[in-house]
Amino acid sequence: IDVLGVEISPDLKQARVYWCLPRVLDLKGLPSSKLEEVVRRMQKILDERGGKIQGIVHSRLRAYYPPKLKWVAAEHVSKDLKRGVSLEKGKKKWI
Protein backbone atom coordinates (compact mmCIF):
# COMPACT_ATOMS: atom_id res chain seq x y z
CA ILE A 1 0.00 0.00 0.00
CA ASP A 2 0.95 3.65 -0.27
CA VAL A 3 0.54 5.77 2.84
CA LEU A 4 -0.81 9.17 1.82
CA GLY A 5 -0.71 10.89 5.16
CA VAL A 6 -1.44 10.76 8.85
CA GLU A 7 -3.71 12.88 11.04
CA ILE A 8 -3.07 12.90 14.76
CA SER A 9 -5.72 13.77 17.35
CA PRO A 10 -5.17 16.84 19.53
CA ASP A 11 -4.42 14.67 22.57
CA LEU A 12 -1.90 12.61 20.52
CA LYS A 13 -3.54 9.32 21.51
CA GLN A 14 -5.09 8.41 18.16
CA ALA A 15 -3.99 8.71 14.55
CA ARG A 16 -5.69 8.12 11.21
CA VAL A 17 -3.42 6.66 8.54
CA TYR A 18 -4.73 7.34 5.04
CA TRP A 19 -3.72 4.71 2.49
CA CYS A 20 -4.38 3.70 -1.10
CA LEU A 21 -3.44 0.85 -3.38
CA PRO A 22 0.00 1.26 -4.97
CA ARG A 23 0.07 3.44 -8.05
CA VAL A 24 2.35 0.95 -9.82
CA LEU A 25 -0.58 -1.49 -10.10
CA ASP A 26 -2.58 -1.11 -13.28
CA LEU A 27 -6.07 -1.01 -11.78
CA LYS A 28 -7.80 0.94 -14.54
CA GLY A 29 -8.83 -2.23 -16.37
CA LEU A 30 -10.57 -3.71 -13.33
CA PRO A 31 -14.34 -3.39 -12.99
CA SER A 32 -15.31 -1.09 -10.11
CA SER A 33 -16.86 -4.00 -8.19
CA LYS A 34 -13.55 -5.90 -8.26
CA LEU A 35 -11.61 -2.81 -7.27
CA GLU A 36 -13.95 -2.20 -4.33
CA GLU A 37 -13.48 -5.83 -3.27
CA VAL A 38 -9.68 -5.45 -3.36
CA VAL A 39 -9.90 -2.29 -1.22
CA ARG A 40 -12.28 -4.02 1.24
CA ARG A 41 -9.92 -6.99 1.56
CA MET A 42 -6.91 -4.77 2.12
CA GLN A 43 -8.83 -2.76 4.73
CA LYS A 44 -9.72 -6.00 6.51
CA ILE A 45 -6.07 -7.11 6.47
CA LEU A 46 -4.93 -3.75 7.86
CA ASP A 47 -7.59 -3.85 10.57
CA GLU A 48 -6.62 -7.38 11.58
CA ARG A 49 -2.84 -7.23 11.16
CA GLY A 50 -2.07 -3.53 11.44
CA GLY A 51 -0.86 -4.18 14.97
CA LYS A 52 2.53 -5.26 13.62
CA ILE A 53 2.97 -1.93 11.88
CA GLN A 54 1.73 -0.17 14.99
CA GLY A 55 4.33 -2.06 17.03
CA ILE A 56 7.08 -0.73 14.76
CA VAL A 57 5.75 2.81 15.10
CA HIS A 58 5.58 2.47 18.88
CA SER A 59 9.13 1.15 19.10
CA ARG A 60 10.46 4.14 17.16
CA LEU A 61 8.51 6.88 18.90
CA ARG A 62 9.80 8.35 22.10
CA ALA A 63 6.34 9.31 23.33
CA TYR A 64 5.10 7.63 26.49
CA TYR A 65 1.69 7.02 24.93
CA PRO A 66 2.15 6.39 21.21
CA PRO A 67 -1.03 6.92 19.15
CA LYS A 68 -3.42 4.11 18.29
CA LEU A 69 -3.47 3.79 14.50
CA LYS A 70 -6.72 3.63 12.55
CA TRP A 71 -6.41 2.72 8.87
CA VAL A 72 -8.56 4.74 6.45
CA ALA A 73 -8.80 3.97 2.73
CA ALA A 74 -8.41 7.03 0.51
CA GLU A 75 -9.03 7.05 -3.23
CA HIS A 76 -6.47 9.66 -4.26
CA VAL A 77 -3.80 12.01 -3.03
CA SER A 78 -5.47 15.16 -1.84
CA LYS A 79 -3.72 18.50 -2.15
CA ASP A 80 -5.57 19.44 1.03
CA LEU A 81 -3.69 16.76 2.95
CA LYS A 82 -0.42 18.52 2.18
CA ARG A 83 -1.86 21.66 3.77
CA GLY A 84 -2.96 19.74 6.86
CA VAL A 85 -6.68 19.56 6.07
CA SER A 86 -8.57 16.34 6.78
CA LEU A 87 -9.60 14.08 3.91
CA GLU A 88 -12.82 13.50 5.81
CA LYS A 89 -14.26 16.99 5.39
CA GLY A 90 -16.06 18.38 8.37
CA LYS A 91 -15.22 15.40 10.56
CA LYS A 92 -13.55 16.59 13.74
CA LYS A 93 -14.57 13.92 16.19
CA TRP A 94 -11.95 11.30 17.00
CA ILE A 95 -13.33 7.80 17.39
PDB file of N, CA and C in Angstrom:
ATOM      1  N   ILE A   1       0.841  -1.182   0.000  1.00  0.00           N
ATOM      2  CA  ILE A   1       0.000   0.000   0.000  1.00  0.00           C
ATOM      3  C   ILE A   1       0.886   1.244   0.000  1.00  0.00           C
ATOM      4  N   ASP A   2       0.295   2.353  -0.384  1.00  0.00           N
ATOM      5  CA  ASP A   2       0.953   3.647  -0.269  1.00  0.00           C
ATOM      6  C   ASP A   2       0.281   4.403   0.874  1.00  0.00           C
ATOM      7  N   VAL A   3       1.080   4.943   1.765  1.00  0.00           N
ATOM      8  CA  VAL A   3       0.545   5.774   2.841  1.00  0.00           C
ATOM      9  C   VAL A   3       0.540   7.212   2.336  1.00  0.00           C
ATOM     10  N   LEU A   4      -0.654   7.817   2.342  1.00  0.00           N
ATOM     11  CA  LEU A   4      -0.808   9.169   1.822  1.00  0.00           C
ATOM     12  C   LEU A   4      -0.572  10.236   2.869  1.00  0.00           C
ATOM     13  N   GLY A   5      -0.895   9.916   4.100  1.00  0.00           N
ATOM     14  CA  GLY A   5      -0.713  10.895   5.158  1.00  0.00           C
ATOM     15  C   GLY A   5      -1.266  10.387   6.463  1.00  0.00           C
ATOM     16  N   VAL A   6      -1.006  11.139   7.505  1.00  0.00           N
ATOM     17  CA  VAL A   6      -1.439  10.762   8.847  1.00  0.00           C
ATOM     18  C   VAL A   6      -1.993  11.999   9.543  1.00  0.00           C
ATOM     19  N   GLU A   7      -3.133  11.825  10.201  1.00  0.00           N
ATOM     20  CA  GLU A   7      -3.714  12.875  11.038  1.00  0.00           C
ATOM     21  C   GLU A   7      -3.638  12.401  12.478  1.00  0.00           C
ATOM     22  N   ILE A   8      -3.193  13.267  13.357  1.00  0.00           N
ATOM     23  CA  ILE A   8      -3.075  12.895  14.763  1.00  0.00           C
ATOM     24  C   ILE A   8      -4.058  13.730  15.573  1.00  0.00           C
ATOM     25  N   SER A   9      -4.737  13.077  16.510  1.00  0.00           N
ATOM     26  CA  SER A   9      -5.720  13.769  17.346  1.00  0.00           C
ATOM     27  C   SER A   9      -5.023  14.807  18.216  1.00  0.00           C
ATOM     28  N   PRO A  10      -5.770  15.798  18.684  1.00  0.00           N
ATOM     29  CA  PRO A  10      -5.169  16.842  19.528  1.00  0.00           C
ATOM     30  C   PRO A  10      -4.502  16.310  20.798  1.00  0.00           C
ATOM     31  N   ASP A  11      -5.024  15.223  21.351  1.00  0.00           N
ATOM     32  CA  ASP A  11      -4.419  14.668  22.569  1.00  0.00           C
ATOM     33  C   ASP A  11      -3.299  13.663  22.268  1.00  0.00           C
ATOM     34  N   LEU A  12      -2.985  13.477  21.001  1.00  0.00           N
ATOM     35  CA  LEU A  12      -1.895  12.607  20.522  1.00  0.00           C
ATOM     36  C   LEU A  12      -2.086  11.136  20.852  1.00  0.00           C
ATOM     37  N   LYS A  13      -3.304  10.716  21.157  1.00  0.00           N
ATOM     38  CA  LYS A  13      -3.542   9.317  21.515  1.00  0.00           C
ATOM     39  C   LYS A  13      -4.085   8.488  20.363  1.00  0.00           C
ATOM     40  N   GLN A  14      -4.549   9.129  19.297  1.00  0.00           N
ATOM     41  CA  GLN A  14      -5.091   8.413  18.155  1.00  0.00           C
ATOM     42  C   GLN A  14      -4.557   9.040  16.871  1.00  0.00           C
ATOM     43  N   ALA A  15      -4.445   8.208  15.837  1.00  0.00           N
ATOM     44  CA  ALA A  15      -3.989   8.710  14.547  1.00  0.00           C
ATOM     45  C   ALA A  15      -4.723   7.972  13.435  1.00  0.00           C
ATOM     46  N   ARG A  16      -5.102   8.713  12.411  1.00  0.00           N
ATOM     47  CA  ARG A  16      -5.692   8.116  11.211  1.00  0.00           C
ATOM     48  C   ARG A  16      -4.596   8.042  10.159  1.00  0.00           C
ATOM     49  N   VAL A  17      -4.403   6.853   9.600  1.00  0.00           N
ATOM     50  CA  VAL A  17      -3.418   6.656   8.544  1.00  0.00           C
ATOM     51  C   VAL A  17      -4.190   6.463   7.245  1.00  0.00           C
ATOM     52  N   TYR A  18      -4.032   7.411   6.314  1.00  0.00           N
ATOM     53  CA  TYR A  18      -4.728   7.343   5.037  1.00  0.00           C
ATOM     54  C   TYR A  18      -3.874   6.562   4.050  1.00  0.00           C
ATOM     55  N   TRP A  19      -4.461   5.578   3.396  1.00  0.00           N
ATOM     56  CA  TRP A  19      -3.721   4.712   2.490  1.00  0.00           C
ATOM     57  C   TRP A  19      -4.492   4.526   1.183  1.00  0.00           C
ATOM     58  N   CYS A  20      -3.761   4.080   0.163  1.00  0.00           N
ATOM     59  CA  CYS A  20      -4.382   3.699  -1.099  1.00  0.00           C
ATOM     60  C   CYS A  20      -3.587   2.536  -1.680  1.00  0.00           C
ATOM     61  N   LEU A  21      -4.152   1.921  -2.693  1.00  0.00           N
ATOM     62  CA  LEU A  21      -3.443   0.849  -3.375  1.00  0.00           C
ATOM     63  C   LEU A  21      -2.271   1.451  -4.139  1.00  0.00           C
ATOM     64  N   PRO A  22      -1.184   0.699  -4.298  1.00  0.00           N
ATOM     65  CA  PRO A  22       0.003   1.258  -4.969  1.00  0.00           C
ATOM     66  C   PRO A  22      -0.305   1.747  -6.380  1.00  0.00           C
ATOM     67  N   ARG A  23       0.284   2.867  -6.724  1.00  0.00           N
ATOM     68  CA  ARG A  23       0.068   3.438  -8.052  1.00  0.00           C
ATOM     69  C   ARG A  23       0.708   2.610  -9.152  1.00  0.00           C
ATOM     70  N   VAL A  24       1.672   1.760  -8.806  1.00  0.00           N
ATOM     71  CA  VAL A  24       2.349   0.949  -9.820  1.00  0.00           C
ATOM     72  C   VAL A  24       1.439  -0.166 -10.349  1.00  0.00           C
ATOM     73  N   LEU A  25       0.371  -0.488  -9.619  1.00  0.00           N
ATOM     74  CA  LEU A  25      -0.576  -1.488 -10.097  1.00  0.00           C
ATOM     75  C   LEU A  25      -1.471  -0.866 -11.160  1.00  0.00           C
ATOM     76  N   ASP A  26      -1.694  -1.599 -12.228  1.00  0.00           N
ATOM     77  CA  ASP A  26      -2.582  -1.106 -13.278  1.00  0.00           C
ATOM     78  C   ASP A  26      -3.996  -1.550 -12.931  1.00  0.00           C
ATOM     79  N   LEU A  27      -4.739  -0.677 -12.265  1.00  0.00           N
ATOM     80  CA  LEU A  27      -6.073  -1.011 -11.779  1.00  0.00           C
ATOM     81  C   LEU A  27      -7.178  -0.432 -12.658  1.00  0.00           C
ATOM     82  N   LYS A  28      -6.799   0.290 -13.702  1.00  0.00           N
ATOM     83  CA  LYS A  28      -7.801   0.939 -14.541  1.00  0.00           C
ATOM     84  C   LYS A  28      -8.644  -0.060 -15.326  1.00  0.00           C
ATOM     85  N   GLY A  29      -8.099  -1.225 -15.606  1.00  0.00           N
ATOM     86  CA  GLY A  29      -8.833  -2.227 -16.369  1.00  0.00           C
ATOM     87  C   GLY A  29      -9.793  -3.053 -15.530  1.00  0.00           C
ATOM     88  N   LEU A  30      -9.701  -2.938 -14.216  1.00  0.00           N
ATOM     89  CA  LEU A  30     -10.572  -3.712 -13.329  1.00  0.00           C
ATOM     90  C   LEU A  30     -11.963  -3.091 -13.253  1.00  0.00           C
ATOM     91  N   PRO A  31     -12.995  -3.930 -13.234  1.00  0.00           N
ATOM     92  CA  PRO A  31     -14.338  -3.389 -12.994  1.00  0.00           C
ATOM     93  C   PRO A  31     -14.391  -2.776 -11.585  1.00  0.00           C
ATOM     94  N   SER A  32     -15.253  -1.787 -11.405  1.00  0.00           N
ATOM     95  CA  SER A  32     -15.309  -1.094 -10.115  1.00  0.00           C
ATOM     96  C   SER A  32     -15.676  -2.036  -8.974  1.00  0.00           C
ATOM     97  N   SER A  33     -16.498  -3.052  -9.251  1.00  0.00           N
ATOM     98  CA  SER A  33     -16.860  -3.996  -8.187  1.00  0.00           C
ATOM     99  C   SER A  33     -15.644  -4.789  -7.713  1.00  0.00           C
ATOM    100  N   LYS A  34     -14.772  -5.171  -8.638  1.00  0.00           N
ATOM    101  CA  LYS A  34     -13.547  -5.903  -8.262  1.00  0.00           C
ATOM    102  C   LYS A  34     -12.591  -4.994  -7.493  1.00  0.00           C
ATOM    103  N   LEU A  35     -12.488  -3.759  -7.946  1.00  0.00           N
ATOM    104  CA  LEU A  35     -11.613  -2.813  -7.270  1.00  0.00           C
ATOM    105  C   LEU A  35     -12.089  -2.553  -5.846  1.00  0.00           C
ATOM    106  N   GLU A  36     -13.392  -2.392  -5.673  1.00  0.00           N
ATOM    107  CA  GLU A  36     -13.953  -2.200  -4.328  1.00  0.00           C
ATOM    108  C   GLU A  36     -13.683  -3.412  -3.450  1.00  0.00           C
ATOM    109  N   GLU A  37     -13.761  -4.602  -4.032  1.00  0.00           N
ATOM    110  CA  GLU A  37     -13.483  -5.829  -3.270  1.00  0.00           C
ATOM    111  C   GLU A  37     -12.024  -5.874  -2.827  1.00  0.00           C
ATOM    112  N   VAL A  38     -11.101  -5.475  -3.711  1.00  0.00           N
ATOM    113  CA  VAL A  38      -9.677  -5.449  -3.362  1.00  0.00           C
ATOM    114  C   VAL A  38      -9.434  -4.472  -2.209  1.00  0.00           C
ATOM    115  N   VAL A  39     -10.063  -3.294  -2.279  1.00  0.00           N
ATOM    116  CA  VAL A  39      -9.902  -2.292  -1.217  1.00  0.00           C
ATOM    117  C   VAL A  39     -10.488  -2.814   0.094  1.00  0.00           C
ATOM    118  N   ARG A  40     -11.662  -3.455   0.027  1.00  0.00           N
ATOM    119  CA  ARG A  40     -12.276  -4.022   1.243  1.00  0.00           C
ATOM    120  C   ARG A  40     -11.383  -5.082   1.869  1.00  0.00           C
ATOM    121  N   ARG A  41     -10.807  -5.938   1.031  1.00  0.00           N
ATOM    122  CA  ARG A  41      -9.924  -6.988   1.564  1.00  0.00           C
ATOM    123  C   ARG A  41      -8.678  -6.400   2.208  1.00  0.00           C
ATOM    124  N   MET A  42      -8.107  -5.399   1.549  1.00  0.00           N
ATOM    125  CA  MET A  42      -6.913  -4.775   2.119  1.00  0.00           C
ATOM    126  C   MET A  42      -7.251  -4.070   3.429  1.00  0.00           C
ATOM    127  N   GLN A  43      -8.405  -3.417   3.492  1.00  0.00           N
ATOM    128  CA  GLN A  43      -8.826  -2.760   4.727  1.00  0.00           C
ATOM    129  C   GLN A  43      -8.979  -3.789   5.851  1.00  0.00           C
ATOM    130  N   LYS A  44      -9.546  -4.938   5.512  1.00  0.00           N
ATOM    131  CA  LYS A  44      -9.720  -6.000   6.508  1.00  0.00           C
ATOM    132  C   LYS A  44      -8.362  -6.498   7.009  1.00  0.00           C
ATOM    133  N   ILE A  45      -7.421  -6.663   6.092  1.00  0.00           N
ATOM    134  CA  ILE A  45      -6.075  -7.109   6.466  1.00  0.00           C
ATOM    135  C   ILE A  45      -5.414  -6.073   7.382  1.00  0.00           C
ATOM    136  N   LEU A  46      -5.537  -4.800   7.022  1.00  0.00           N
ATOM    137  CA  LEU A  46      -4.933  -3.748   7.861  1.00  0.00           C
ATOM    138  C   LEU A  46      -5.590  -3.693   9.231  1.00  0.00           C
ATOM    139  N   ASP A  47      -6.905  -3.857   9.277  1.00  0.00           N
ATOM    140  CA  ASP A  47      -7.594  -3.846  10.570  1.00  0.00           C
ATOM    141  C   ASP A  47      -7.159  -5.024  11.440  1.00  0.00           C
ATOM    142  N   GLU A  48      -6.975  -6.179  10.819  1.00  0.00           N
ATOM    143  CA  GLU A  48      -6.619  -7.378  11.581  1.00  0.00           C
ATOM    144  C   GLU A  48      -5.135  -7.443  11.920  1.00  0.00           C
ATOM    145  N   ARG A  49      -4.284  -7.034  10.991  1.00  0.00           N
ATOM    146  CA  ARG A  49      -2.837  -7.228  11.155  1.00  0.00           C
ATOM    147  C   ARG A  49      -2.051  -5.931  11.283  1.00  0.00           C
ATOM    148  N   GLY A  50      -2.747  -4.822  11.340  1.00  0.00           N
ATOM    149  CA  GLY A  50      -2.066  -3.534  11.443  1.00  0.00           C
ATOM    150  C   GLY A  50      -1.311  -3.355  12.738  1.00  0.00           C
ATOM    151  N   GLY A  51      -1.555  -4.252  13.682  1.00  0.00           N
ATOM    152  CA  GLY A  51      -0.860  -4.183  14.965  1.00  0.00           C
ATOM    153  C   GLY A  51       0.643  -4.335  14.832  1.00  0.00           C
ATOM    154  N   LYS A  52       1.090  -5.106  13.827  1.00  0.00           N
ATOM    155  CA  LYS A  52       2.529  -5.261  13.624  1.00  0.00           C
ATOM    156  C   LYS A  52       3.154  -3.945  13.200  1.00  0.00           C
ATOM    157  N   ILE A  53       2.471  -3.237  12.312  1.00  0.00           N
ATOM    158  CA  ILE A  53       2.970  -1.929  11.885  1.00  0.00           C
ATOM    159  C   ILE A  53       2.931  -0.956  13.058  1.00  0.00           C
ATOM    160  N   GLN A  54       1.853  -1.037  13.822  1.00  0.00           N
ATOM    161  CA  GLN A  54       1.734  -0.167  14.994  1.00  0.00           C
ATOM    162  C   GLN A  54       2.853  -0.446  15.983  1.00  0.00           C
ATOM    163  N   GLY A  55       3.224  -1.699  16.144  1.00  0.00           N
ATOM    164  CA  GLY A  55       4.325  -2.056  17.028  1.00  0.00           C
ATOM    165  C   GLY A  55       5.638  -1.422  16.604  1.00  0.00           C
ATOM    166  N   ILE A  56       5.864  -1.376  15.280  1.00  0.00           N
ATOM    167  CA  ILE A  56       7.082  -0.734  14.762  1.00  0.00           C
ATOM    168  C   ILE A  56       7.049   0.761  15.052  1.00  0.00           C
ATOM    169  N   VAL A  57       5.886   1.375  14.816  1.00  0.00           N
ATOM    170  CA  VAL A  57       5.746   2.810  15.097  1.00  0.00           C
ATOM    171  C   VAL A  57       5.997   3.077  16.579  1.00  0.00           C
ATOM    172  N   HIS A  58       5.419   2.275  17.436  1.00  0.00           N
ATOM    173  CA  HIS A  58       5.580   2.467  18.881  1.00  0.00           C
ATOM    174  C   HIS A  58       7.032   2.310  19.316  1.00  0.00           C
ATOM    175  N   SER A  59       7.738   1.367  18.704  1.00  0.00           N
ATOM    176  CA  SER A  59       9.128   1.148  19.103  1.00  0.00           C
ATOM    177  C   SER A  59      10.033   2.303  18.680  1.00  0.00           C
ATOM    178  N   ARG A  60       9.619   3.046  17.652  1.00  0.00           N
ATOM    179  CA  ARG A  60      10.463   4.140  17.156  1.00  0.00           C
ATOM    180  C   ARG A  60      10.093   5.510  17.722  1.00  0.00           C
ATOM    181  N   LEU A  61       8.912   5.606  18.304  1.00  0.00           N
ATOM    182  CA  LEU A  61       8.510   6.883  18.900  1.00  0.00           C
ATOM    183  C   LEU A  61       9.028   6.968  20.329  1.00  0.00           C
ATOM    184  N   ARG A  62       9.307   8.173  20.737  1.00  0.00           N
ATOM    185  CA  ARG A  62       9.797   8.355  22.099  1.00  0.00           C
ATOM    186  C   ARG A  62       8.695   8.833  23.028  1.00  0.00           C
ATOM    187  N   ALA A  63       7.471   8.870  22.518  1.00  0.00           N
ATOM    188  CA  ALA A  63       6.342   9.310  23.333  1.00  0.00           C
ATOM    189  C   ALA A  63       5.963   8.208  24.320  1.00  0.00           C
ATOM    190  N   TYR A  64       5.506   8.613  25.474  1.00  0.00           N
ATOM    191  CA  TYR A  64       5.103   7.634  26.486  1.00  0.00           C
ATOM    192  C   TYR A  64       3.847   6.899  26.045  1.00  0.00           C
ATOM    193  N   TYR A  65       2.910   7.624  25.440  1.00  0.00           N
ATOM    194  CA  TYR A  65       1.692   7.019  24.931  1.00  0.00           C
ATOM    195  C   TYR A  65       1.633   7.204  23.422  1.00  0.00           C
ATOM    196  N   PRO A  66       2.210   6.268  22.665  1.00  0.00           N
ATOM    197  CA  PRO A  66       2.149   6.386  21.208  1.00  0.00           C
ATOM    198  C   PRO A  66       0.696   6.288  20.725  1.00  0.00           C
ATOM    199  N   PRO A  67       0.354   6.920  19.609  1.00  0.00           N
ATOM    200  CA  PRO A  67      -1.030   6.918  19.150  1.00  0.00           C
ATOM    201  C   PRO A  67      -1.494   5.559  18.650  1.00  0.00           C
ATOM    202  N   LYS A  68      -2.771   5.294  18.842  1.00  0.00           N
ATOM    203  CA  LYS A  68      -3.416   4.108  18.291  1.00  0.00           C
ATOM    204  C   LYS A  68      -3.726   4.411  16.834  1.00  0.00           C
ATOM    205  N   LEU A  69      -3.281   3.545  15.923  1.00  0.00           N
ATOM    206  CA  LEU A  69      -3.465   3.788  14.498  1.00  0.00           C
ATOM    207  C   LEU A  69      -4.797   3.245  14.008  1.00  0.00           C
ATOM    208  N   LYS A  70      -5.487   4.056  13.225  1.00  0.00           N
ATOM    209  CA  LYS A  70      -6.715   3.632  12.551  1.00  0.00           C
ATOM    210  C   LYS A  70      -6.474   3.799  11.057  1.00  0.00           C
ATOM    211  N   TRP A  71      -6.676   2.722  10.293  1.00  0.00           N
ATOM    212  CA  TRP A  71      -6.408   2.721   8.866  1.00  0.00           C
ATOM    213  C   TRP A  71      -7.643   3.189   8.105  1.00  0.00           C
ATOM    214  N   VAL A  72      -7.459   4.167   7.214  1.00  0.00           N
ATOM    215  CA  VAL A  72      -8.558   4.741   6.452  1.00  0.00           C
ATOM    216  C   VAL A  72      -8.194   4.697   4.969  1.00  0.00           C
ATOM    217  N   ALA A  73      -9.036   4.044   4.170  1.00  0.00           N
ATOM    218  CA  ALA A  73      -8.801   3.967   2.729  1.00  0.00           C
ATOM    219  C   ALA A  73      -9.106   5.318   2.090  1.00  0.00           C
ATOM    220  N   ALA A  74      -8.224   5.780   1.251  1.00  0.00           N
ATOM    221  CA  ALA A  74      -8.406   7.032   0.513  1.00  0.00           C
ATOM    222  C   ALA A  74      -8.264   6.717  -0.969  1.00  0.00           C
ATOM    223  N   GLU A  75      -9.055   7.361  -1.801  1.00  0.00           N
ATOM    224  CA  GLU A  75      -9.031   7.050  -3.227  1.00  0.00           C
ATOM    225  C   GLU A  75      -7.912   7.749  -3.980  1.00  0.00           C
ATOM    226  N   HIS A  76      -7.477   8.896  -3.523  1.00  0.00           N
ATOM    227  CA  HIS A  76      -6.469   9.656  -4.255  1.00  0.00           C
ATOM    228  C   HIS A  76      -5.692  10.559  -3.310  1.00  0.00           C
ATOM    229  N   VAL A  77      -4.600  11.065  -3.811  1.00  0.00           N
ATOM    230  CA  VAL A  77      -3.803  12.012  -3.031  1.00  0.00           C
ATOM    231  C   VAL A  77      -4.527  13.347  -3.072  1.00  0.00           C
ATOM    232  N   SER A  78      -4.782  13.888  -1.926  1.00  0.00           N
ATOM    233  CA  SER A  78      -5.469  15.158  -1.835  1.00  0.00           C
ATOM    234  C   SER A  78      -4.460  16.280  -1.608  1.00  0.00           C
ATOM    235  N   LYS A  79      -4.592  17.348  -2.368  1.00  0.00           N
ATOM    236  CA  LYS A  79      -3.722  18.504  -2.148  1.00  0.00           C
ATOM    237  C   LYS A  79      -3.980  19.097  -0.773  1.00  0.00           C
ATOM    238  N   ASP A  80      -5.229  18.926  -0.292  1.00  0.00           N
ATOM    239  CA  ASP A  80      -5.570  19.442   1.026  1.00  0.00           C
ATOM    240  C   ASP A  80      -4.763  18.767   2.124  1.00  0.00           C
ATOM    241  N   LEU A  81      -4.440  17.484   1.935  1.00  0.00           N
ATOM    242  CA  LEU A  81      -3.691  16.756   2.953  1.00  0.00           C
ATOM    243  C   LEU A  81      -2.320  17.406   3.157  1.00  0.00           C
ATOM    244  N   LYS A  82      -1.727  17.884   2.072  1.00  0.00           N
ATOM    245  CA  LYS A  82      -0.419  18.524   2.181  1.00  0.00           C
ATOM    246  C   LYS A  82      -0.504  19.821   2.976  1.00  0.00           C
ATOM    247  N   ARG A  83      -1.674  20.429   3.008  1.00  0.00           N
ATOM    248  CA  ARG A  83      -1.855  21.658   3.775  1.00  0.00           C
ATOM    249  C   ARG A  83      -2.361  21.370   5.179  1.00  0.00           C
ATOM    250  N   GLY A  84      -2.543  20.102   5.519  1.00  0.00           N
ATOM    251  CA  GLY A  84      -2.958  19.743   6.861  1.00  0.00           C
ATOM    252  C   GLY A  84      -4.458  19.692   7.056  1.00  0.00           C
ATOM    253  N   VAL A  85      -5.224  19.622   5.972  1.00  0.00           N
ATOM    254  CA  VAL A  85      -6.678  19.557   6.072  1.00  0.00           C
ATOM    255  C   VAL A  85      -7.113  18.107   5.968  1.00  0.00           C
ATOM    256  N   SER A  86      -8.098  17.723   6.747  1.00  0.00           N
ATOM    257  CA  SER A  86      -8.574  16.345   6.779  1.00  0.00           C
ATOM    258  C   SER A  86      -9.165  15.919   5.448  1.00  0.00           C
ATOM    259  N   LEU A  87      -8.951  14.652   5.089  1.00  0.00           N
ATOM    260  CA  LEU A  87      -9.600  14.082   3.912  1.00  0.00           C
ATOM    261  C   LEU A  87     -11.079  13.861   4.179  1.00  0.00           C
ATOM    262  N   GLU A  88     -11.432  13.690   5.428  1.00  0.00           N
ATOM    263  CA  GLU A  88     -12.825  13.503   5.808  1.00  0.00           C
ATOM    264  C   GLU A  88     -13.377  14.872   6.175  1.00  0.00           C
ATOM    265  N   LYS A  89     -13.847  15.599   5.184  1.00  0.00           N
ATOM    266  CA  LYS A  89     -14.256  16.990   5.385  1.00  0.00           C
ATOM    267  C   LYS A  89     -15.318  17.121   6.464  1.00  0.00           C
ATOM    268  N   GLY A  90     -15.100  18.074   7.313  1.00  0.00           N
ATOM    269  CA  GLY A  90     -16.055  18.384   8.365  1.00  0.00           C
ATOM    270  C   GLY A  90     -16.027  17.424   9.541  1.00  0.00           C
ATOM    271  N   LYS A  91     -15.250  16.376   9.477  1.00  0.00           N
ATOM    272  CA  LYS A  91     -15.224  15.398  10.561  1.00  0.00           C
ATOM    273  C   LYS A  91     -14.127  15.799  11.540  1.00  0.00           C
ATOM    274  N   LYS A  92     -14.518  16.163  12.734  1.00  0.00           N
ATOM    275  CA  LYS A  92     -13.552  16.589  13.737  1.00  0.00           C
ATOM    276  C   LYS A  92     -13.536  15.687  14.949  1.00  0.00           C
ATOM    277  N   LYS A  93     -14.486  14.796  15.039  1.00  0.00           N
ATOM    278  CA  LYS A  93     -14.571  13.924  16.194  1.00  0.00           C
ATOM    279  C   LYS A  93     -13.629  12.727  16.023  1.00  0.00           C
ATOM    280  N   TRP A  94     -12.860  12.448  17.034  1.00  0.00           N
ATOM    281  CA  TRP A  94     -11.952  11.298  17.002  1.00  0.00           C
ATOM    282  C   TRP A  94     -12.625  10.105  17.643  1.00  0.00           C
ATOM    283  N   ILE A  95     -12.699   9.030  16.889  1.00  0.00           N
ATOM    284  CA  ILE A  95     -13.333   7.804  17.388  1.00  0.00           C
ATOM    285  C   ILE A  95     -12.295   6.728  17.538  1.00  0.00           C
TER     286      ILE A  95
END
